[in-house]
Amino acid sequence: MAHFTLQIDNQRGPLLKATVGVSAERSEALTKAGKAVPTGQGVDALVDTGASCSSVDPSVLQALDLTPTGNVPIYTPSGKANLDQYDVGLLIPGADATHAPLIFPTIPVVAAELKTEQGFDVLIGRDILSMCMLIYNGTQGFYTLAF
């Protein structure tokens, strides 16, 4: 089983590096049209068990030249919000080169202002975590994500 174990950031929590790109369908459509496929964006992501769905900062979505696929209601401690939804591709690497990465060729995410306010680009929500095993060891200051 691929996995990684990382230190928990004392200020921000369980962070990881990932890559967000266009969805598999968008990549295929661009290639068929003879257009360039945007390069995936390296991002800082926070594992968030309180988020029902994953979110991406609008700056990342703009860099990929994506347009919304819809609009969905999101419930936060501050209340209800309707946010734009996008289809993206997501890659989360394993612990080392011998481990296969966790790849989502197409996964819906919502656009949420994260970078300016919180200092990271992506929230990894329960939609992704439902396909993983998460061990959060607060007393030792590390977490493991296995997939």
Protein backbone atom coordinates (compact mmCIF):
# COMPACT_ATOMS: atom_id res chain seq x y z
CA MET A 1 0.00 0.00 0.00
CA ALA A 2 1.43 3.39 -0.99
CA HIS A 3 1.73 5.86 1.83
CA PHE A 4 3.67 8.69 3.35
CA THR A 5 4.27 9.91 6.87
CA LEU A 6 4.85 13.61 7.46
CA GLN A 7 5.28 15.95 10.38
CA ILE A 8 2.23 17.94 11.42
CA ASP A 9 2.88 21.66 10.99
CA ASN A 10 2.34 23.20 14.44
CA GLN A 11 0.66 26.27 12.94
CA ARG A 12 -1.32 24.87 10.00
CA GLY A 13 -1.79 21.13 10.56
CA PRO A 14 -1.32 18.12 8.24
CA LEU A 15 0.11 19.61 5.04
CA LEU A 16 1.29 17.75 1.95
CA LYS A 17 2.57 18.49 -1.55
CA ALA A 18 0.36 17.59 -4.51
CA THR A 19 -0.16 18.47 -8.16
CA VAL A 20 -3.42 19.82 -9.60
CA GLY A 21 -3.93 19.62 -13.35
CA VAL A 22 -6.72 19.62 -15.87
CA SER A 23 -9.11 16.67 -15.80
CA ALA A 24 -8.47 13.66 -18.03
CA GLU A 25 -11.41 14.65 -20.22
CA ARG A 26 -10.16 18.23 -20.64
CA SER A 27 -6.66 17.02 -21.44
CA GLU A 28 -8.03 14.69 -24.11
CA ALA A 29 -10.22 17.42 -25.62
CA LEU A 30 -7.33 19.90 -25.76
CA THR A 31 -5.04 17.32 -27.34
CA LYS A 32 -7.66 16.42 -29.98
CA ALA A 33 -8.09 20.11 -30.76
CA GLY A 34 -4.33 20.50 -31.21
CA LYS A 35 -4.05 22.82 -28.22
CA ALA A 36 -1.50 22.77 -25.44
CA VAL A 37 -2.45 21.08 -22.18
CA PRO A 38 -1.65 23.37 -19.23
CA THR A 39 1.13 22.14 -16.96
CA GLY A 40 -0.03 20.78 -13.61
CA GLN A 41 0.43 23.14 -10.69
CA GLY A 42 2.44 22.08 -7.64
CA VAL A 43 0.39 22.94 -4.57
CA ASP A 44 0.45 22.88 -0.80
CA ALA A 45 -2.57 20.98 0.46
CA LEU A 46 -4.11 20.62 3.91
CA VAL A 47 -5.76 17.35 4.92
CA ASP A 48 -9.12 18.42 6.36
CA THR A 49 -11.46 15.81 7.84
CA GLY A 50 -14.02 18.58 8.43
CA ALA A 51 -14.39 19.34 4.71
CA SER A 52 -16.96 17.18 2.93
CA CYS A 53 -15.46 18.02 -0.47
CA SER A 54 -12.05 19.10 -1.67
CA SER A 55 -11.37 22.74 -2.53
CA VAL A 56 -8.84 24.54 -4.71
CA ASP A 57 -7.78 28.18 -4.60
CA PRO A 58 -9.01 30.18 -7.62
CA SER A 59 -5.43 31.15 -8.53
CA VAL A 60 -4.65 27.49 -9.29
CA LEU A 61 -7.82 27.08 -11.35
CA GLN A 62 -7.04 30.25 -13.30
CA ALA A 63 -3.49 29.06 -14.03
CA LEU A 64 -5.05 25.93 -15.57
CA ASP A 65 -7.50 28.07 -17.61
CA LEU A 66 -10.51 26.19 -16.26
CA THR A 67 -14.15 27.20 -16.33
CA PRO A 68 -16.78 26.08 -13.82
CA THR A 69 -18.80 22.95 -14.48
CA GLY A 70 -21.52 23.99 -12.06
CA ASN A 71 -22.35 25.62 -8.76
CA VAL A 72 -22.87 23.75 -5.48
CA PRO A 73 -24.08 24.69 -1.99
CA ILE A 74 -21.44 24.38 0.72
CA TYR A 75 -22.14 24.57 4.44
CA THR A 76 -19.45 26.12 6.63
CA PRO A 77 -19.38 27.30 10.25
CA SER A 78 -20.03 30.78 8.80
CA GLY A 79 -23.17 29.62 6.97
CA LYS A 80 -24.20 28.45 3.52
CA ALA A 81 -22.37 29.52 0.38
CA ASN A 82 -22.82 28.64 -3.28
CA LEU A 83 -19.42 27.95 -4.83
CA ASP A 84 -18.29 27.24 -8.37
CA GLN A 85 -17.36 23.62 -9.04
CA TYR A 86 -14.57 22.50 -11.37
CA ASP A 87 -13.28 19.16 -12.64
CA VAL A 88 -9.55 18.74 -12.09
CA GLY A 89 -6.95 16.01 -12.05
CA LEU A 90 -5.12 15.46 -8.75
CA LEU A 91 -1.90 13.61 -7.95
CA ILE A 92 -0.69 12.93 -4.41
CA PRO A 93 2.76 11.27 -4.39
CA GLY A 94 3.68 8.29 -2.25
CA ALA A 95 6.51 8.27 0.27
CA ASP A 96 9.19 7.65 -2.35
CA ALA A 97 9.66 6.81 -6.02
CA THR A 98 8.91 3.12 -5.42
CA HIS A 99 5.38 3.90 -4.21
CA ALA A 100 2.63 4.56 -6.72
CA PRO A 101 1.01 7.97 -6.32
CA LEU A 102 -2.67 8.46 -5.55
CA ILE A 103 -4.10 9.72 -8.82
CA PHE A 104 -7.56 11.09 -9.53
CA PRO A 105 -7.79 11.60 -13.32
CA THR A 106 -10.99 13.59 -12.77
CA ILE A 107 -12.42 14.79 -9.48
CA PRO A 108 -14.87 17.62 -8.76
CA VAL A 109 -13.61 20.37 -6.46
CA VAL A 110 -14.97 23.72 -5.39
CA ALA A 111 -13.22 27.06 -5.72
CA ALA A 112 -12.44 28.56 -2.32
CA GLU A 113 -10.16 31.41 -1.28
CA LEU A 114 -7.45 29.54 0.59
CA LYS A 115 -4.02 30.94 -0.31
CA THR A 116 -4.41 34.52 0.90
CA GLU A 117 -6.28 33.73 4.09
CA GLN A 118 -4.74 30.41 5.10
CA GLY A 119 -1.47 30.02 3.20
CA PHE A 120 -2.20 26.82 1.25
CA ASP A 121 -3.76 26.05 -2.15
CA VAL A 122 -5.93 22.97 -1.63
CA LEU A 123 -8.10 21.34 1.02
CA ILE A 124 -8.10 17.54 0.81
CA GLY A 125 -11.62 16.70 1.98
CA ARG A 126 -13.51 13.57 2.91
CA ASP A 127 -14.34 12.89 -0.75
CA ILE A 128 -10.67 11.93 -1.19
CA LEU A 129 -10.05 10.70 2.36
CA SER A 130 -12.88 8.16 1.96
CA MET A 131 -10.49 6.27 -0.34
CA CYS A 132 -7.55 6.41 2.08
CA MET A 133 -6.48 5.50 5.57
CA LEU A 134 -5.47 8.47 7.72
CA ILE A 135 -3.58 8.11 10.99
CA TYR A 136 -3.21 11.35 12.91
CA ASN A 137 -0.76 11.05 15.79
CA GLY A 138 -1.00 14.39 17.56
CA THR A 139 1.06 13.32 20.57
CA GLN A 140 4.03 12.43 18.35
CA GLY A 141 3.41 15.22 15.81
CA PHE A 142 3.02 13.22 12.61
CA TYR A 143 0.36 11.79 10.33
CA THR A 144 0.28 8.97 7.81
CA LEU A 145 -1.86 8.84 4.69
CA ALA A 146 -2.09 5.41 3.03
CA PHE A 147 -3.84 4.58 -0.23
